[in-house]
Amino acid sequence: MALSATDASWRRTQRTGLLALRNALPVALRAQHQASITATLLAHFKPVPGAVVAFYWPFQGEYDPRQVVRQWRQRSMRTVLPVVVEKARPLEFREWWPGVATEPGVFGLPVPQATALLRPDWLLIPPVGFDAQCYRLGYGGGFYDRTLAALGERAVRKIGVAFEVGRMDSIEPRNHDIALDVVVTEAGIHRPQN
């Protein structure tokens, strides 16, 4: 899964620029985008009782999925947070619910303690960047790519959630990159274009 130095440098430059754009969104505009994405997720992704949805704790200006996740939980979905076990390994997912005991994990993000490890049916994934084919540019650790490969990319519903400022012409996908099923932004639902 190693990238050439040129590819890695290009991706690092793209990531830095996209993060700067995302973090520069004015608070009021971010709140509008947040509300639009939440409404779209609730309208188009109907909860499946008993199904497991993996989400993420928001970081570096990402869309905050916690309101959606709480509503899905009220409709009998189970929720999990990702856990970085070690570098170059797929993520694990620990069950989460409001009030569960957590400890800070990688980047200080909460990790549920002593809860069940579950396999997700849906994955909410926060790309730094995304393109028309729904390939995602992440933070560079490769955790989601390894996780999707380990889960079997067709066995889990892959839902990217991002702001339109993260749209790119192409992420220049490599063999290890796995496209998302959809990317939801404030502009609506984007599906891979042929």
N, C-alpha and C. Protein backbone atom coordinates (compact mmCIF):
# COMPACT_ATOMS: atom_id res chain seq x y z
N MET A 1 0.81 -1.19 0.00
CA MET A 1 0.00 0.00 0.00
C MET A 1 0.86 1.27 0.00
N ALA A 2 2.16 1.14 -0.10
CA ALA A 2 3.05 2.29 -0.05
C ALA A 2 2.90 3.14 -1.31
N LEU A 3 2.89 4.44 -1.12
CA LEU A 3 2.83 5.38 -2.24
C LEU A 3 4.25 5.82 -2.57
N SER A 4 4.44 6.21 -3.82
CA SER A 4 5.73 6.78 -4.18
C SER A 4 5.88 8.11 -3.44
N ALA A 5 7.11 8.59 -3.37
CA ALA A 5 7.37 9.87 -2.68
C ALA A 5 6.58 11.00 -3.35
N THR A 6 6.48 10.96 -4.70
CA THR A 6 5.74 11.99 -5.42
C THR A 6 4.26 11.93 -5.08
N ASP A 7 3.67 10.71 -5.09
CA ASP A 7 2.25 10.56 -4.74
C ASP A 7 1.99 11.01 -3.31
N ALA A 8 2.85 10.59 -2.40
CA ALA A 8 2.67 10.95 -1.00
C ALA A 8 2.76 12.46 -0.80
N SER A 9 3.69 13.10 -1.50
CA SER A 9 3.84 14.55 -1.38
C SER A 9 2.61 15.26 -1.95
N TRP A 10 2.10 14.79 -3.10
CA TRP A 10 0.91 15.39 -3.70
C TRP A 10 -0.27 15.26 -2.75
N ARG A 11 -0.46 14.06 -2.19
CA ARG A 11 -1.60 13.85 -1.28
C ARG A 11 -1.46 14.70 -0.02
N ARG A 12 -0.26 14.81 0.49
CA ARG A 12 -0.03 15.63 1.69
C ARG A 12 -0.38 17.09 1.41
N THR A 13 0.03 17.59 0.24
CA THR A 13 -0.28 18.98 -0.15
C THR A 13 -1.78 19.18 -0.29
N GLN A 14 -2.45 18.24 -0.97
CA GLN A 14 -3.90 18.33 -1.12
C GLN A 14 -4.60 18.32 0.24
N ARG A 15 -4.19 17.41 1.09
CA ARG A 15 -4.79 17.27 2.42
C ARG A 15 -4.65 18.57 3.21
N THR A 16 -3.46 19.14 3.20
CA THR A 16 -3.21 20.38 3.94
C THR A 16 -4.12 21.51 3.45
N GLY A 17 -4.23 21.65 2.13
CA GLY A 17 -5.08 22.70 1.57
C GLY A 17 -6.56 22.49 1.88
N LEU A 18 -7.03 21.25 1.77
CA LEU A 18 -8.44 20.96 2.03
C LEU A 18 -8.79 21.15 3.51
N LEU A 19 -7.89 20.75 4.39
CA LEU A 19 -8.13 20.97 5.82
C LEU A 19 -8.20 22.46 6.14
N ALA A 20 -7.34 23.24 5.50
CA ALA A 20 -7.36 24.69 5.72
C ALA A 20 -8.70 25.28 5.26
N LEU A 21 -9.19 24.83 4.10
CA LEU A 21 -10.49 25.31 3.61
C LEU A 21 -11.62 24.93 4.56
N ARG A 22 -11.60 23.68 5.02
CA ARG A 22 -12.66 23.21 5.91
C ARG A 22 -12.64 23.97 7.23
N ASN A 23 -11.46 24.15 7.78
CA ASN A 23 -11.35 24.84 9.07
C ASN A 23 -11.66 26.33 8.97
N ALA A 24 -11.60 26.88 7.75
CA ALA A 24 -11.87 28.31 7.55
C ALA A 24 -13.35 28.60 7.33
N LEU A 25 -14.19 27.56 7.26
CA LEU A 25 -15.63 27.81 7.06
C LEU A 25 -16.16 28.67 8.22
N PRO A 26 -16.86 29.75 7.92
CA PRO A 26 -17.44 30.57 8.99
C PRO A 26 -18.42 29.74 9.83
N VAL A 27 -18.50 30.06 11.10
CA VAL A 27 -19.33 29.29 12.04
C VAL A 27 -20.78 29.19 11.58
N ALA A 28 -21.36 30.30 11.14
CA ALA A 28 -22.76 30.29 10.72
C ALA A 28 -22.97 29.41 9.49
N LEU A 29 -22.05 29.49 8.54
CA LEU A 29 -22.15 28.67 7.33
C LEU A 29 -21.96 27.19 7.66
N ARG A 30 -21.01 26.89 8.54
CA ARG A 30 -20.79 25.50 8.98
C ARG A 30 -22.07 24.96 9.63
N ALA A 31 -22.73 25.77 10.44
CA ALA A 31 -23.97 25.33 11.09
C ALA A 31 -25.06 25.03 10.05
N GLN A 32 -25.15 25.86 9.01
CA GLN A 32 -26.12 25.61 7.93
C GLN A 32 -25.79 24.31 7.21
N HIS A 33 -24.52 24.11 6.89
CA HIS A 33 -24.10 22.87 6.22
C HIS A 33 -24.38 21.65 7.09
N GLN A 34 -24.09 21.80 8.37
CA GLN A 34 -24.33 20.72 9.34
C GLN A 34 -25.82 20.33 9.32
N ALA A 35 -26.68 21.32 9.38
CA ALA A 35 -28.13 21.07 9.40
C ALA A 35 -28.59 20.41 8.10
N SER A 36 -28.06 20.85 6.96
CA SER A 36 -28.43 20.26 5.67
C SER A 36 -28.02 18.79 5.57
N ILE A 37 -26.80 18.50 5.99
CA ILE A 37 -26.31 17.12 5.94
C ILE A 37 -27.12 16.23 6.87
N THR A 38 -27.39 16.73 8.07
CA THR A 38 -28.18 15.96 9.03
C THR A 38 -29.56 15.64 8.45
N ALA A 39 -30.22 16.63 7.87
CA ALA A 39 -31.55 16.42 7.29
C ALA A 39 -31.49 15.39 6.16
N THR A 40 -30.47 15.45 5.33
CA THR A 40 -30.34 14.50 4.23
C THR A 40 -30.13 13.08 4.76
N LEU A 41 -29.26 12.93 5.73
CA LEU A 41 -29.01 11.59 6.30
C LEU A 41 -30.28 11.01 6.90
N LEU A 42 -31.01 11.81 7.64
CA LEU A 42 -32.23 11.31 8.29
C LEU A 42 -33.33 10.99 7.27
N ALA A 43 -33.39 11.76 6.18
CA ALA A 43 -34.43 11.55 5.18
C ALA A 43 -34.15 10.35 4.28
N HIS A 44 -32.88 10.08 4.00
CA HIS A 44 -32.54 9.09 2.97
C HIS A 44 -31.92 7.80 3.49
N PHE A 45 -31.53 7.75 4.74
CA PHE A 45 -30.92 6.55 5.29
C PHE A 45 -31.76 6.10 6.48
N LYS A 46 -32.75 5.32 6.17
CA LYS A 46 -33.71 4.88 7.20
C LYS A 46 -33.05 3.85 8.11
N PRO A 47 -33.24 3.99 9.41
CA PRO A 47 -32.61 3.07 10.35
C PRO A 47 -33.11 1.64 10.17
N VAL A 48 -32.20 0.72 10.40
CA VAL A 48 -32.51 -0.71 10.34
C VAL A 48 -32.35 -1.24 11.76
N PRO A 49 -33.46 -1.57 12.45
CA PRO A 49 -33.35 -2.03 13.83
C PRO A 49 -32.37 -3.20 13.97
N GLY A 50 -31.48 -3.06 14.94
CA GLY A 50 -30.49 -4.09 15.21
C GLY A 50 -29.21 -3.96 14.40
N ALA A 51 -29.23 -3.18 13.33
CA ALA A 51 -28.03 -2.99 12.53
C ALA A 51 -27.03 -2.13 13.30
N VAL A 52 -25.76 -2.28 12.96
CA VAL A 52 -24.68 -1.57 13.65
C VAL A 52 -24.12 -0.49 12.72
N VAL A 53 -24.14 0.75 13.20
CA VAL A 53 -23.57 1.85 12.42
C VAL A 53 -22.33 2.37 13.14
N ALA A 54 -21.21 2.40 12.40
CA ALA A 54 -19.97 2.96 12.91
C ALA A 54 -19.94 4.44 12.55
N PHE A 55 -19.61 5.25 13.53
CA PHE A 55 -19.47 6.68 13.28
C PHE A 55 -18.15 7.14 13.85
N TYR A 56 -17.89 8.40 13.82
CA TYR A 56 -16.62 8.96 14.28
C TYR A 56 -16.93 10.16 15.16
N TRP A 57 -16.03 10.44 16.07
CA TRP A 57 -16.13 11.65 16.89
C TRP A 57 -15.53 12.78 16.06
N PRO A 58 -16.22 13.92 15.89
CA PRO A 58 -15.72 14.96 14.98
C PRO A 58 -14.37 15.52 15.41
N PHE A 59 -13.57 15.82 14.39
CA PHE A 59 -12.17 16.20 14.57
C PHE A 59 -11.80 17.15 13.45
N GLN A 60 -11.07 18.18 13.73
CA GLN A 60 -10.55 19.12 12.72
C GLN A 60 -11.64 19.65 11.78
N GLY A 61 -12.75 20.08 12.34
CA GLY A 61 -13.79 20.72 11.55
C GLY A 61 -14.68 19.79 10.74
N GLU A 62 -14.64 18.50 11.03
CA GLU A 62 -15.49 17.54 10.30
C GLU A 62 -16.96 17.76 10.61
N TYR A 63 -17.81 17.25 9.73
CA TYR A 63 -19.24 17.17 10.01
C TYR A 63 -19.41 16.37 11.31
N ASP A 64 -20.32 16.82 12.18
CA ASP A 64 -20.56 16.16 13.46
C ASP A 64 -21.77 15.23 13.33
N PRO A 65 -21.55 13.91 13.33
CA PRO A 65 -22.65 12.96 13.12
C PRO A 65 -23.41 12.58 14.38
N ARG A 66 -23.09 13.14 15.52
CA ARG A 66 -23.67 12.65 16.78
C ARG A 66 -25.17 12.82 16.87
N GLN A 67 -25.74 13.89 16.32
CA GLN A 67 -27.20 14.08 16.37
C GLN A 67 -27.90 12.98 15.56
N VAL A 68 -27.39 12.69 14.37
CA VAL A 68 -27.96 11.64 13.53
C VAL A 68 -27.86 10.29 14.23
N VAL A 69 -26.71 10.01 14.78
CA VAL A 69 -26.48 8.73 15.45
C VAL A 69 -27.42 8.56 16.65
N ARG A 70 -27.61 9.61 17.40
CA ARG A 70 -28.55 9.51 18.54
C ARG A 70 -29.96 9.20 18.05
N GLN A 71 -30.37 9.81 16.95
CA GLN A 71 -31.72 9.52 16.42
C GLN A 71 -31.80 8.09 15.90
N TRP A 72 -30.77 7.62 15.24
CA TRP A 72 -30.78 6.23 14.78
C TRP A 72 -30.81 5.27 15.97
N ARG A 73 -30.10 5.62 17.04
CA ARG A 73 -30.13 4.77 18.25
C ARG A 73 -31.55 4.69 18.81
N GLN A 74 -32.26 5.81 18.77
CA GLN A 74 -33.64 5.81 19.27
C GLN A 74 -34.54 4.91 18.43
N ARG A 75 -34.09 4.59 17.24
CA ARG A 75 -34.85 3.69 16.35
C ARG A 75 -34.19 2.31 16.30
N SER A 76 -33.51 1.96 17.39
CA SER A 76 -32.98 0.61 17.63
C SER A 76 -31.76 0.20 16.82
N MET A 77 -31.01 1.16 16.30
CA MET A 77 -29.71 0.81 15.71
C MET A 77 -28.67 0.80 16.82
N ARG A 78 -27.65 -0.02 16.66
CA ARG A 78 -26.53 -0.03 17.59
C ARG A 78 -25.42 0.83 17.00
N THR A 79 -24.64 1.45 17.85
CA THR A 79 -23.61 2.38 17.38
C THR A 79 -22.25 2.00 17.94
N VAL A 80 -21.22 2.21 17.11
CA VAL A 80 -19.85 1.89 17.50
C VAL A 80 -18.92 3.02 17.08
N LEU A 81 -17.84 3.16 17.83
CA LEU A 81 -16.78 4.10 17.49
C LEU A 81 -15.53 3.31 17.08
N PRO A 82 -14.74 3.87 16.16
CA PRO A 82 -13.52 3.18 15.73
C PRO A 82 -12.43 3.25 16.80
N VAL A 83 -11.62 2.19 16.82
CA VAL A 83 -10.49 2.11 17.74
C VAL A 83 -9.25 1.77 16.92
N VAL A 84 -8.22 2.61 17.03
CA VAL A 84 -6.94 2.30 16.41
C VAL A 84 -6.24 1.31 17.32
N VAL A 85 -6.06 0.09 16.82
CA VAL A 85 -5.41 -0.95 17.61
C VAL A 85 -3.90 -0.79 17.55
N GLU A 86 -3.40 -0.64 16.34
CA GLU A 86 -1.99 -0.34 16.12
C GLU A 86 -1.81 0.10 14.68
N LYS A 87 -0.67 0.71 14.40
CA LYS A 87 -0.38 1.20 13.06
C LYS A 87 -0.42 0.05 12.06
N ALA A 88 -0.94 0.34 10.87
CA ALA A 88 -0.99 -0.61 9.74
C ALA A 88 -1.92 -1.79 9.99
N ARG A 89 -2.88 -1.63 10.89
CA ARG A 89 -3.89 -2.67 11.11
C ARG A 89 -5.27 -2.07 10.89
N PRO A 90 -6.26 -2.91 10.53
CA PRO A 90 -7.63 -2.39 10.42
C PRO A 90 -8.13 -1.87 11.77
N LEU A 91 -9.11 -1.01 11.70
CA LEU A 91 -9.76 -0.50 12.91
C LEU A 91 -10.61 -1.59 13.54
N GLU A 92 -10.81 -1.48 14.83
CA GLU A 92 -11.82 -2.26 15.53
C GLU A 92 -12.93 -1.29 15.92
N PHE A 93 -14.09 -1.83 16.26
CA PHE A 93 -15.23 -0.97 16.58
C PHE A 93 -15.85 -1.40 17.90
N ARG A 94 -15.87 -0.45 18.86
CA ARG A 94 -16.44 -0.71 20.19
C ARG A 94 -17.80 -0.05 20.31
N GLU A 95 -18.73 -0.76 20.93
CA GLU A 95 -20.07 -0.23 21.08
C GLU A 95 -20.06 1.05 21.91
N TRP A 96 -20.86 2.01 21.48
CA TRP A 96 -20.98 3.32 22.14
C TRP A 96 -22.45 3.62 22.37
N TRP A 97 -22.72 4.29 23.48
CA TRP A 97 -24.03 4.87 23.74
C TRP A 97 -23.80 6.10 24.60
N PRO A 98 -24.75 7.04 24.62
CA PRO A 98 -24.56 8.25 25.42
C PRO A 98 -24.30 7.89 26.88
N GLY A 99 -23.22 8.44 27.43
CA GLY A 99 -22.88 8.21 28.82
C GLY A 99 -21.94 7.05 29.07
N VAL A 100 -21.60 6.28 28.03
CA VAL A 100 -20.68 5.16 28.22
C VAL A 100 -19.30 5.69 28.65
N ALA A 101 -18.62 4.93 29.48
CA ALA A 101 -17.27 5.31 29.91
C ALA A 101 -16.31 5.26 28.72
N THR A 102 -15.52 6.31 28.56
CA THR A 102 -14.53 6.37 27.48
C THR A 102 -13.18 6.80 28.04
N GLU A 103 -12.16 6.53 27.25
CA GLU A 103 -10.81 7.03 27.52
C GLU A 103 -10.30 7.68 26.25
N PRO A 104 -9.40 8.65 26.37
CA PRO A 104 -8.85 9.26 25.16
C PRO A 104 -8.00 8.24 24.39
N GLY A 105 -8.22 8.20 23.08
CA GLY A 105 -7.43 7.35 22.20
C GLY A 105 -6.55 8.21 21.33
N VAL A 106 -6.30 7.76 20.10
CA VAL A 106 -5.49 8.51 19.15
C VAL A 106 -6.11 9.89 18.93
N PHE A 107 -5.27 10.92 18.91
CA PHE A 107 -5.67 12.32 18.77
C PHE A 107 -6.58 12.78 19.91
N GLY A 108 -6.63 12.04 21.01
CA GLY A 108 -7.47 12.41 22.14
C GLY A 108 -8.94 12.10 21.94
N LEU A 109 -9.28 11.38 20.89
CA LEU A 109 -10.69 11.06 20.60
C LEU A 109 -11.17 9.95 21.54
N PRO A 110 -12.46 10.01 21.95
CA PRO A 110 -12.95 9.04 22.94
C PRO A 110 -13.05 7.61 22.39
N VAL A 111 -12.64 6.68 23.23
CA VAL A 111 -12.74 5.25 22.93
C VAL A 111 -13.56 4.61 24.04
N PRO A 112 -14.69 3.96 23.71
CA PRO A 112 -15.49 3.30 24.75
C PRO A 112 -14.65 2.22 25.46
N GLN A 113 -14.87 2.10 26.75
CA GLN A 113 -14.11 1.15 27.57
C GLN A 113 -14.97 -0.06 27.91
N ALA A 114 -14.40 -1.25 27.72
CA ALA A 114 -15.01 -2.51 28.14
C ALA A 114 -16.39 -2.73 27.54
N THR A 115 -16.58 -2.26 26.30
CA THR A 115 -17.85 -2.54 25.61
C THR A 115 -17.57 -3.57 24.52
N ALA A 116 -18.64 -4.10 23.95
CA ALA A 116 -18.52 -5.16 22.95
C ALA A 116 -17.83 -4.66 21.68
N LEU A 117 -17.01 -5.54 21.09
CA LEU A 117 -16.48 -5.30 19.76
C LEU A 117 -17.53 -5.81 18.78
N LEU A 118 -17.96 -4.94 17.86
CA LEU A 118 -19.00 -5.30 16.90
C LEU A 118 -18.53 -5.02 15.48
N ARG A 119 -19.10 -5.76 14.55
CA ARG A 119 -18.82 -5.55 13.12
C ARG A 119 -19.89 -4.61 12.56
N PRO A 120 -19.49 -3.49 11.97
CA PRO A 120 -20.50 -2.54 11.47
C PRO A 120 -21.17 -3.02 10.19
N ASP A 121 -22.44 -2.64 10.06
CA ASP A 121 -23.19 -2.83 8.82
C ASP A 121 -23.11 -1.57 7.96
N TRP A 122 -23.06 -0.42 8.62
CA TRP A 122 -22.90 0.88 7.96
C TRP A 122 -21.66 1.55 8.54
N LEU A 123 -20.94 2.27 7.70
CA LEU A 123 -19.80 3.06 8.15
C LEU A 123 -20.01 4.51 7.73
N LEU A 124 -20.04 5.43 8.68
CA LEU A 124 -19.98 6.86 8.37
C LEU A 124 -18.50 7.23 8.37
N ILE A 125 -18.03 7.74 7.25
CA ILE A 125 -16.60 8.01 7.08
C ILE A 125 -16.41 9.47 6.70
N PRO A 126 -15.51 10.19 7.39
CA PRO A 126 -15.30 11.61 7.11
C PRO A 126 -14.10 11.86 6.19
N PRO A 127 -14.29 11.94 4.88
CA PRO A 127 -13.14 12.22 4.02
C PRO A 127 -12.64 13.65 4.20
N VAL A 128 -11.34 13.81 4.05
CA VAL A 128 -10.79 15.17 3.96
C VAL A 128 -11.14 15.71 2.58
N GLY A 129 -11.02 14.86 1.56
CA GLY A 129 -11.38 15.21 0.20
C GLY A 129 -12.09 14.05 -0.46
N PHE A 130 -12.85 14.35 -1.52
CA PHE A 130 -13.55 13.30 -2.26
C PHE A 130 -13.69 13.74 -3.71
N ASP A 131 -13.88 12.76 -4.60
CA ASP A 131 -14.03 13.10 -6.01
C ASP A 131 -15.33 12.55 -6.57
N ALA A 132 -15.55 12.74 -7.88
CA ALA A 132 -16.81 12.36 -8.52
C ALA A 132 -17.04 10.85 -8.51
N GLN A 133 -16.00 10.07 -8.33
CA GLN A 133 -16.14 8.61 -8.27
C GLN A 133 -16.33 8.13 -6.82
N CYS A 134 -16.44 9.07 -5.89
CA CYS A 134 -16.61 8.79 -4.46
C CYS A 134 -15.39 8.11 -3.84
N TYR A 135 -14.22 8.36 -4.44
CA TYR A 135 -12.99 7.98 -3.76
C TYR A 135 -12.70 9.06 -2.74
N ARG A 136 -12.07 8.67 -1.64
CA ARG A 136 -11.83 9.61 -0.56
C ARG A 136 -10.34 9.80 -0.31
N LEU A 137 -9.99 11.01 0.04
CA LEU A 137 -8.66 11.32 0.54
C LEU A 137 -8.81 11.46 2.04
N GLY A 138 -8.12 10.62 2.79
CA GLY A 138 -8.22 10.66 4.25
C GLY A 138 -7.05 11.39 4.86
N TYR A 139 -6.77 11.05 6.10
CA TYR A 139 -5.69 11.72 6.83
C TYR A 139 -4.32 11.11 6.55
N GLY A 140 -4.28 10.01 5.82
CA GLY A 140 -2.99 9.46 5.41
C GLY A 140 -2.55 8.21 6.14
N GLY A 141 -3.30 7.77 7.13
CA GLY A 141 -2.89 6.57 7.87
C GLY A 141 -3.32 5.26 7.23
N GLY A 142 -4.27 5.32 6.29
CA GLY A 142 -4.73 4.11 5.61
C GLY A 142 -5.65 3.23 6.43
N PHE A 143 -6.12 3.72 7.58
CA PHE A 143 -6.93 2.88 8.46
C PHE A 143 -8.25 2.46 7.83
N TYR A 144 -8.95 3.40 7.20
CA TYR A 144 -10.24 3.03 6.61
C TYR A 144 -10.05 2.11 5.40
N ASP A 145 -9.03 2.34 4.59
CA ASP A 145 -8.80 1.45 3.45
C ASP A 145 -8.53 0.02 3.93
N ARG A 146 -7.69 -0.13 4.94
CA ARG A 146 -7.42 -1.47 5.48
C ARG A 146 -8.67 -2.08 6.09
N THR A 147 -9.44 -1.26 6.77
CA THR A 147 -10.66 -1.74 7.42
C THR A 147 -11.68 -2.20 6.39
N LEU A 148 -11.89 -1.41 5.34
CA LEU A 148 -12.83 -1.79 4.29
C LEU A 148 -12.39 -3.06 3.59
N ALA A 149 -11.09 -3.18 3.34
CA ALA A 149 -10.58 -4.40 2.71
C ALA A 149 -10.82 -5.60 3.62
N ALA A 150 -10.60 -5.44 4.92
CA ALA A 150 -10.79 -6.56 5.86
C ALA A 150 -12.26 -6.93 6.02
N LEU A 151 -13.15 -5.93 5.98
CA LEU A 151 -14.58 -6.20 6.13
C LEU A 151 -15.19 -6.78 4.86
N GLY A 152 -14.55 -6.53 3.74
CA GLY A 152 -15.14 -6.89 2.45
C GLY A 152 -15.95 -5.69 2.00
N GLU A 153 -15.44 -4.97 1.02
CA GLU A 153 -16.01 -3.67 0.67
C GLU A 153 -17.48 -3.70 0.33
N ARG A 154 -18.00 -4.82 -0.14
CA ARG A 154 -19.42 -4.89 -0.48
C ARG A 154 -20.28 -5.29 0.71
N ALA A 155 -19.64 -5.73 1.78
CA ALA A 155 -20.38 -6.24 2.94
C ALA A 155 -20.82 -5.15 3.90
N VAL A 156 -20.39 -3.92 3.66
CA VAL A 156 -20.72 -2.83 4.56
C VAL A 156 -21.14 -1.62 3.71
N ARG A 157 -22.12 -0.87 4.20
CA ARG A 157 -22.58 0.34 3.50
C ARG A 157 -21.63 1.46 3.85
N LYS A 158 -20.97 2.04 2.85
CA LYS A 158 -19.92 3.04 3.05
C LYS A 158 -20.47 4.43 2.71
N ILE A 159 -20.72 5.23 3.75
CA ILE A 159 -21.34 6.54 3.60
C ILE A 159 -20.33 7.62 4.00
N GLY A 160 -19.85 8.35 3.01
CA GLY A 160 -18.97 9.47 3.31
C GLY A 160 -19.81 10.68 3.70
N VAL A 161 -19.33 11.46 4.64
CA VAL A 161 -20.00 12.71 5.01
C VAL A 161 -18.95 13.81 5.04
N ALA A 162 -19.20 14.85 4.25
CA ALA A 162 -18.19 15.90 4.08
C ALA A 162 -18.87 17.21 3.69
N PHE A 163 -18.10 18.27 3.71
CA PHE A 163 -18.55 19.54 3.19
C PHE A 163 -18.07 19.68 1.74
N GLU A 164 -18.80 20.45 0.96
CA GLU A 164 -18.45 20.63 -0.45
C GLU A 164 -17.04 21.19 -0.66
N VAL A 165 -16.49 21.90 0.32
CA VAL A 165 -15.13 22.43 0.17
C VAL A 165 -14.12 21.31 0.02
N GLY A 166 -14.51 20.07 0.33
CA GLY A 166 -13.61 18.93 0.19
C GLY A 166 -13.64 18.28 -1.18
N ARG A 167 -14.48 18.80 -2.09
CA ARG A 167 -14.58 18.21 -3.43
C ARG A 167 -13.29 18.46 -4.22
N MET A 168 -12.82 17.41 -4.89
CA MET A 168 -11.61 17.49 -5.72
C MET A 168 -11.94 16.98 -7.12
N ASP A 169 -11.13 17.34 -8.10
CA ASP A 169 -11.31 16.77 -9.44
C ASP A 169 -11.08 15.26 -9.37
N SER A 170 -10.01 14.85 -8.73
CA SER A 170 -9.71 13.43 -8.55
C SER A 170 -8.74 13.29 -7.39
N ILE A 171 -8.88 12.21 -6.64
CA ILE A 171 -7.88 11.96 -5.59
C ILE A 171 -6.71 11.16 -6.17
N GLU A 172 -6.77 10.90 -7.49
CA GLU A 172 -5.76 10.07 -8.14
C GLU A 172 -5.69 8.71 -7.42
N PRO A 173 -6.81 7.95 -7.44
CA PRO A 173 -6.86 6.70 -6.68
C PRO A 173 -5.80 5.68 -7.09
N ARG A 174 -5.35 4.96 -6.10
CA ARG A 174 -4.38 3.89 -6.30
C ARG A 174 -5.09 2.56 -6.08
N ASN A 175 -4.40 1.47 -6.31
CA ASN A 175 -5.02 0.14 -6.23
C ASN A 175 -5.66 -0.14 -4.87
N HIS A 176 -5.10 0.40 -3.81
CA HIS A 176 -5.62 0.10 -2.47
C HIS A 176 -6.82 0.98 -2.10
N ASP A 177 -7.08 2.04 -2.86
CA ASP A 177 -8.20 2.93 -2.54
C ASP A 177 -9.53 2.25 -2.84
N ILE A 178 -10.48 2.39 -1.94
CA ILE A 178 -11.81 1.80 -2.09
C ILE A 178 -12.82 2.94 -2.12
N ALA A 179 -13.64 2.98 -3.17
CA ALA A 179 -14.63 4.05 -3.31
C ALA A 179 -15.75 3.87 -2.28
N LEU A 180 -16.30 4.99 -1.85
CA LEU A 180 -17.47 4.99 -0.98
C LEU A 180 -18.71 4.73 -1.82
N ASP A 181 -19.77 4.24 -1.20
CA ASP A 181 -21.03 4.05 -1.92
C ASP A 181 -21.65 5.39 -2.29
N VAL A 182 -21.58 6.34 -1.36
CA VAL A 182 -22.10 7.69 -1.55
C VAL A 182 -21.27 8.65 -0.72
N VAL A 183 -21.35 9.93 -1.07
CA VAL A 183 -20.82 10.99 -0.22
C VAL A 183 -21.97 11.98 -0.03
N VAL A 184 -22.30 12.26 1.22
CA VAL A 184 -23.36 13.21 1.54
C VAL A 184 -22.73 14.53 1.95
N THR A 185 -23.15 15.60 1.27
CA THR A 185 -22.68 16.95 1.60
C THR A 185 -23.89 17.85 1.76
N GLU A 186 -23.64 19.12 2.02
CA GLU A 186 -24.74 20.08 2.12
C GLU A 186 -25.47 20.24 0.80
N ALA A 187 -24.85 19.81 -0.31
CA ALA A 187 -25.49 19.91 -1.63
C ALA A 187 -26.34 18.68 -1.96
N GLY A 188 -26.27 17.64 -1.14
CA GLY A 188 -27.06 16.44 -1.39
C GLY A 188 -26.24 15.17 -1.37
N ILE A 189 -26.74 14.15 -2.05
CA ILE A 189 -26.10 12.83 -2.09
C ILE A 189 -25.38 12.67 -3.40
N HIS A 190 -24.08 12.40 -3.32
CA HIS A 190 -23.27 12.17 -4.51
C HIS A 190 -23.00 10.68 -4.64
N ARG A 191 -23.27 10.13 -5.82
CA ARG A 191 -22.99 8.73 -6.11
C ARG A 191 -21.86 8.68 -7.15
N PRO A 192 -21.12 7.57 -7.19
CA PRO A 192 -20.05 7.49 -8.19
C PRO A 192 -20.59 7.72 -9.60
N GLN A 193 -19.90 8.56 -10.37
CA GLN A 193 -20.30 8.85 -11.75
C GLN A 193 -19.52 7.95 -12.70
N ASN A 194 -20.21 7.44 -13.68
CA ASN A 194 -19.54 6.56 -14.67
C ASN A 194 -19.04 7.38 -15.85
